[in-house]
């Protein structure tokens, strides 16, 4: 990664973004997952509960890590780093398992993000958690370069975890235009902040932009192929 000077507002920006991301994600899932748990209106499998618990732990850790840096407790932040990497690995496994479980249950998506068949929704969920894990892994790899590290960790949460939360937000769920618009807006906040503070975008965001440009069309193209349907059938049997 090329050199990129820090900015006095960086710590506040990343801490604020972590809190905003968590609020959006929790609000979205509280709108769908919450009622199922509280009222028992729909059965929820152990796999889904486990994934939700790991998901929640990541959000707590993500905010904790940014607040530690905000308070200049960088050594504590670094000591928690391996826990974050391990948690991301568990989330990858549980995310794929949860996607398979949803496919077996016949889920094709949620209003505004629906596929003609369950195989397409399965692929979208697997792709999302893989993007998240890949960006976290890249962030870990560049952990000795703070400017790259913090952008990759933000990108992992914004690209991999926020879209599912956004698509479940009250007043947004069911409206594909609103879902897409909010998702893109959050994806662009980091690069926009770089432009506002440095007049250029850090190269780390190339991974984020590639995931946005490449993943959706690849998912749409692959989801309807016989090859993916065969793979999906093996996964969901």
Foldseek 3Di string as FASTA:
>chain_A
DDDDDDDPCVLVVLLVLLVVLVVLQCQLCCLPVVCCVVVVPDDDDPLRVVLVVLVVVLSVLSNVLSVCVVVVVVVVSVVCLVVNLVSLVVNLVSQLVVLLVCLLVFAQDFQLRGDPGSLLSSLVSNLLSVLLNVLSVVLVVCVVPVVLNSVSNSLSSLRRRRLSSLCRHVVNPNHNVSSVVVSVVSLCPQQVVCCVGPVGGDPSSVSSVCCVVPVPVVSVVVSPDPVSVVVSVVSND
